[in-house]
């Protein structure tokens, strides 16, 4: 065998060895990467925003997506009907859409037929806007009774109140909203609002706090009403 032939054989063996090492390394990295991602979420919480969609929705969705968060948007039917593009934007951004009545009345002060109208029209408006058929229902003001729950159940809706109130509706500061979110535990949900500038400003810090505690933003299960993995 000539020197040139020996050199070519050696070159091929080195190239093959390097390729095997590269493949083995890639396999190790891939095998290790998946468990690392899974281990990042030790629990899930439900971020919820009521009263949309509105002119504030695009900025809210931008803040959520930039910080890697998903949320449940409890939309009013009248606003879904008036802003169908924003309902589609919510879905396209990876959010979940729930029913928050049509006109935001005190449902416990209404008769069964009126309650039915509030809920059914909202189901129709959200579906027509491209938001799918909601499975979750949040009564305005968190006010409910057996009649409200029975009507909601008739439309396949699970009633969702909240575990933590951000108080953004009561002009809570951004710091106060962040502190409220810091009280969330696995499976719990927090009440915020689509139109609240302070809640929107709190989103980056909420994301950081959740990450530091090993919590991730999840969906709300229609079966249990608790936050679970998306």
Protein backbone atom coordinates (compact mmCIF):
# COMPACT_ATOMS: atom_id res chain seq x y z
CA UNK A 1 0.00 0.00 0.00
CA UNK A 2 1.40 3.38 -0.97
CA UNK A 3 1.76 6.30 1.38
CA UNK A 4 -1.05 8.11 -0.46
CA UNK A 5 -3.40 5.14 -0.09
CA UNK A 6 -2.58 4.80 3.63
CA UNK A 7 -3.26 8.52 4.11
CA UNK A 8 -6.66 8.24 2.40
CA UNK A 9 -7.67 5.24 4.54
CA UNK A 10 -6.62 7.05 7.72
CA UNK A 11 -8.55 10.15 6.69
CA UNK A 12 -11.73 8.11 6.12
CA UNK A 13 -11.36 6.40 9.54
CA UNK A 14 -10.93 9.74 11.31
CA UNK A 15 -13.95 11.24 9.52
CA UNK A 16 -16.10 8.23 10.42
CA UNK A 17 -15.00 8.35 14.06
CA UNK A 18 -15.80 12.04 14.30
CA UNK A 19 -19.25 11.45 12.78
CA UNK A 20 -19.99 8.71 15.33
CA UNK A 21 -18.95 10.98 18.20
CA UNK A 22 -21.09 13.81 16.82
CA UNK A 23 -24.14 11.56 16.57
CA UNK A 24 -23.62 10.17 20.04
CA UNK A 25 -23.24 13.67 21.46
CA UNK A 26 -26.39 14.87 19.68
CA UNK A 27 -28.31 11.91 21.01
CA UNK A 28 -27.14 12.62 24.55
CA UNK A 29 -28.10 16.26 24.26
CA UNK A 30 -31.54 15.41 22.87
CA UNK A 31 -32.15 12.82 25.55
CA UNK A 32 -31.18 15.24 28.28
CA UNK A 33 -33.06 18.24 26.86
CA UNK A 34 -36.58 16.80 27.06
CA UNK A 35 -36.48 15.91 30.79
CA UNK A 36 -34.99 19.34 31.51
CA UNK A 37 -37.95 21.04 29.84
CA UNK A 38 -40.43 18.78 31.64
CA UNK A 39 -38.78 19.45 35.00
CA UNK A 40 -39.14 23.23 34.55
CA UNK A 41 -42.85 23.10 35.49
CA UNK A 42 -43.45 21.80 39.00
CA UNK A 43 -47.01 23.12 38.95
CA UNK A 44 -49.47 25.21 36.95
CA UNK A 45 -51.51 28.34 37.64
CA UNK A 46 -54.35 29.95 35.73
CA UNK A 47 -53.91 33.55 34.60
CA UNK A 48 -57.32 34.95 33.71
CA UNK A 49 -58.35 38.26 32.16
CA UNK A 50 -61.99 39.38 32.20
CA UNK A 51 -64.06 41.87 30.18
CA UNK A 52 -62.38 41.67 26.77
CA UNK A 53 -61.88 41.85 23.96
CA UNK A 54 -61.17 45.56 23.73
CA UNK A 55 -58.77 48.11 22.34
CA UNK A 56 -56.36 46.99 25.07
CA UNK A 57 -56.32 43.38 23.88
CA UNK A 58 -53.46 43.68 21.33
CA UNK A 59 -51.10 45.17 23.93
CA UNK A 60 -52.13 42.54 26.48
CA UNK A 61 -51.54 39.70 24.05
CA UNK A 62 -48.17 41.16 23.10
CA UNK A 63 -47.09 41.35 26.74
CA UNK A 64 -48.21 37.77 27.41
CA UNK A 65 -46.55 36.26 24.35
CA UNK A 66 -43.30 38.18 24.82
CA UNK A 67 -43.07 36.72 28.32
CA UNK A 68 -44.01 33.20 27.30
CA UNK A 69 -47.34 33.16 29.12
CA UNK A 70 -50.74 31.81 28.15
CA UNK A 71 -53.98 32.87 29.79
CA UNK A 72 -57.73 32.35 29.79
CA UNK A 73 -59.67 35.31 28.42
CA UNK A 74 -63.18 35.54 29.84
CA UNK A 75 -64.87 37.57 27.11
CA UNK A 76 -68.13 39.46 27.21
CA UNK A 77 -70.41 38.47 24.37
CA UNK A 78 -71.19 42.03 23.35
CA UNK A 79 -67.49 42.79 22.92
CA UNK A 80 -66.78 39.52 21.11
CA UNK A 81 -69.53 40.41 18.64
CA UNK A 82 -68.11 43.92 18.18
CA UNK A 83 -64.45 42.84 17.97
CA UNK A 84 -64.31 39.43 16.29
CA UNK A 85 -60.77 40.01 15.00
CA UNK A 86 -59.56 40.38 18.57
CA UNK A 87 -61.18 37.09 19.57
CA UNK A 88 -59.29 35.43 16.72
CA UNK A 89 -56.12 37.20 17.85
CA UNK A 90 -56.55 35.75 21.33
CA UNK A 91 -56.80 32.24 19.92
CA UNK A 92 -53.93 32.76 17.49
CA UNK A 93 -51.75 33.91 20.41
CA UNK A 94 -52.41 30.62 22.18
CA UNK A 95 -54.94 31.88 24.70
CA UNK A 96 -58.11 30.09 25.81
CA UNK A 97 -61.47 31.85 25.55
CA UNK A 98 -64.22 31.62 28.15
CA UNK A 99 -67.75 32.99 28.60
CA UNK A 100 -68.24 36.06 30.83
CA UNK A 101 -71.93 36.77 30.00
CA UNK A 102 -73.15 39.09 27.27
CA UNK A 103 -73.65 42.42 29.09
CA UNK A 104 -72.01 41.81 32.51
CA UNK A 105 -75.16 42.02 34.65
CA UNK A 106 -75.73 40.83 38.21
CA UNK A 107 -76.97 37.40 37.14
CA UNK A 108 -78.30 36.46 40.56
CA UNK A 109 -80.82 39.28 40.24
CA UNK A 110 -82.18 37.96 36.92
CA UNK A 111 -84.73 35.30 36.06
CA UNK A 112 -83.76 32.01 34.49
CA UNK A 113 -84.71 33.08 30.95
CA UNK A 114 -82.57 36.22 31.21
CA UNK A 115 -79.63 34.24 32.55
CA UNK A 116 -80.04 31.79 29.69
CA UNK A 117 -79.98 34.66 27.18
CA UNK A 118 -76.81 36.14 28.67
CA UNK A 119 -74.97 32.84 28.51
CA UNK A 120 -76.30 31.47 25.23
CA UNK A 121 -75.75 34.67 23.25
CA UNK A 122 -72.17 34.81 24.47
CA UNK A 123 -71.54 31.21 23.40
CA UNK A 124 -72.83 32.11 19.96
CA UNK A 125 -70.90 35.39 19.70
CA UNK A 126 -67.58 33.83 20.68
CA UNK A 127 -68.05 30.86 18.34
CA UNK A 128 -69.06 33.16 15.48
CA UNK A 129 -65.94 35.28 16.08
CA UNK A 130 -63.68 32.26 15.76
CA UNK A 131 -63.07 31.64 19.44
CA UNK A 132 -64.49 28.14 19.45
CA UNK A 133 -67.24 26.99 21.81
CA UNK A 134 -66.30 27.99 25.38
CA UNK A 135 -66.19 25.34 28.08
CA UNK A 136 -65.55 27.73 30.95
CA UNK A 137 -67.87 30.34 32.42
CA UNK A 138 -67.11 33.14 34.85
CA UNK A 139 -70.16 34.91 36.25
CA UNK A 140 -69.79 38.70 36.45
CA UNK A 141 -68.59 39.88 39.87
CA UNK A 142 -68.22 36.22 40.82
CA UNK A 143 -71.91 36.23 41.76
CA UNK A 144 -73.62 32.89 41.37
CA UNK A 145 -76.36 30.64 42.70
CA UNK A 146 -77.92 27.30 41.85
CA UNK A 147 -79.92 28.76 38.94
CA UNK A 148 -76.85 30.36 37.34
CA UNK A 149 -74.87 27.15 37.71
CA UNK A 150 -77.71 25.06 36.28
CA UNK A 151 -78.05 27.26 33.19
CA UNK A 152 -74.29 27.27 32.65
CA UNK A 153 -74.21 23.49 32.93
CA UNK A 154 -76.94 23.26 30.30
CA UNK A 155 -74.45 24.76 27.82
CA UNK A 156 -71.64 22.45 28.92
CA UNK A 157 -69.91 25.19 30.89
CA UNK A 158 -67.87 24.79 34.06
CA UNK A 159 -68.14 27.75 36.42
CA UNK A 160 -64.77 29.29 37.31
CA UNK A 161 -64.42 31.90 40.05
CA UNK A 162 -60.86 32.62 41.30
CA UNK A 163 -58.49 31.88 44.15
CA UNK A 164 -56.61 35.19 44.12
CA UNK A 165 -58.09 38.61 43.33
CA UNK A 166 -55.49 40.99 41.89
CA UNK A 167 -57.74 43.94 42.79
CA UNK A 168 -56.79 45.57 39.49
CA UNK A 169 -60.46 46.54 39.11
CA UNK A 170 -59.98 48.55 42.31
CA UNK A 171 -56.96 50.45 40.92
CA UNK A 172 -54.39 48.15 42.52
CA UNK A 173 -50.87 49.24 41.63
CA UNK A 174 -48.57 47.20 39.43
CA UNK A 175 -46.59 46.20 42.53
CA UNK A 176 -49.80 45.05 44.24
CA UNK A 177 -50.79 42.95 41.21
CA UNK A 178 -47.33 41.32 41.18
CA UNK A 179 -47.63 40.59 44.90
CA UNK A 180 -51.08 39.08 44.41
CA UNK A 181 -49.80 36.78 41.67
CA UNK A 182 -47.01 35.78 44.03
CA UNK A 183 -49.62 34.16 46.28
CA UNK A 184 -50.69 31.70 43.59
CA UNK A 185 -50.12 28.04 44.31
CA UNK A 186 -50.33 25.01 42.06
CA UNK A 187 -53.78 24.66 40.48
CA UNK A 188 -55.00 28.11 41.49
CA UNK A 189 -56.28 30.99 39.35
CA UNK A 190 -55.96 34.77 39.59
CA UNK A 191 -58.48 37.41 38.51
CA UNK A 192 -57.20 40.21 36.29
CA UNK A 193 -58.81 42.36 33.61
CA UNK A 194 -58.20 42.91 29.90
CA UNK A 195 -58.37 46.68 30.26
CA UNK A 196 -56.03 47.09 33.25
CA UNK A 197 -52.79 48.87 32.34
CA UNK A 198 -51.32 47.98 35.74
CA UNK A 199 -51.95 44.26 35.25
CA UNK A 200 -50.42 44.47 31.80
CA UNK A 201 -47.35 46.20 33.23
CA UNK A 202 -47.07 43.48 35.87
CA UNK A 203 -46.79 40.64 33.35
CA UNK A 204 -42.97 40.54 32.98
CA UNK A 205 -42.51 40.36 36.75
CA UNK A 206 -45.31 37.82 37.12
CA UNK A 207 -43.52 35.64 34.56
CA UNK A 208 -40.21 35.97 36.42
CA UNK A 209 -41.82 35.15 39.77
CA UNK A 210 -43.60 32.08 38.45
CA UNK A 211 -40.41 30.82 36.83
CA UNK A 212 -38.45 31.31 40.03
CA UNK A 213 -41.01 29.19 41.87
CA UNK A 214 -41.10 26.47 39.23
CA UNK A 215 -44.66 27.33 38.20
CA UNK A 216 -45.98 27.65 34.65
CA UNK A 217 -49.09 29.29 33.20
CA UNK A 218 -51.55 26.53 32.33
CA UNK A 219 -55.05 26.01 31.08
CA UNK A 220 -58.08 25.64 33.35
CA UNK A 221 -59.53 22.14 33.28
CA UNK A 222 -63.27 21.98 32.54
CA UNK A 223 -63.34 18.77 34.56
CA UNK A 224 -61.82 20.08 37.79
CA UNK A 225 -61.81 23.87 37.46
CA UNK A 226 -58.13 23.81 38.38
CA UNK A 227 -55.09 24.93 36.41
CA UNK A 228 -53.31 22.06 34.67
CA UNK A 229 -50.69 21.52 31.97
CA UNK A 230 -51.67 23.02 28.60
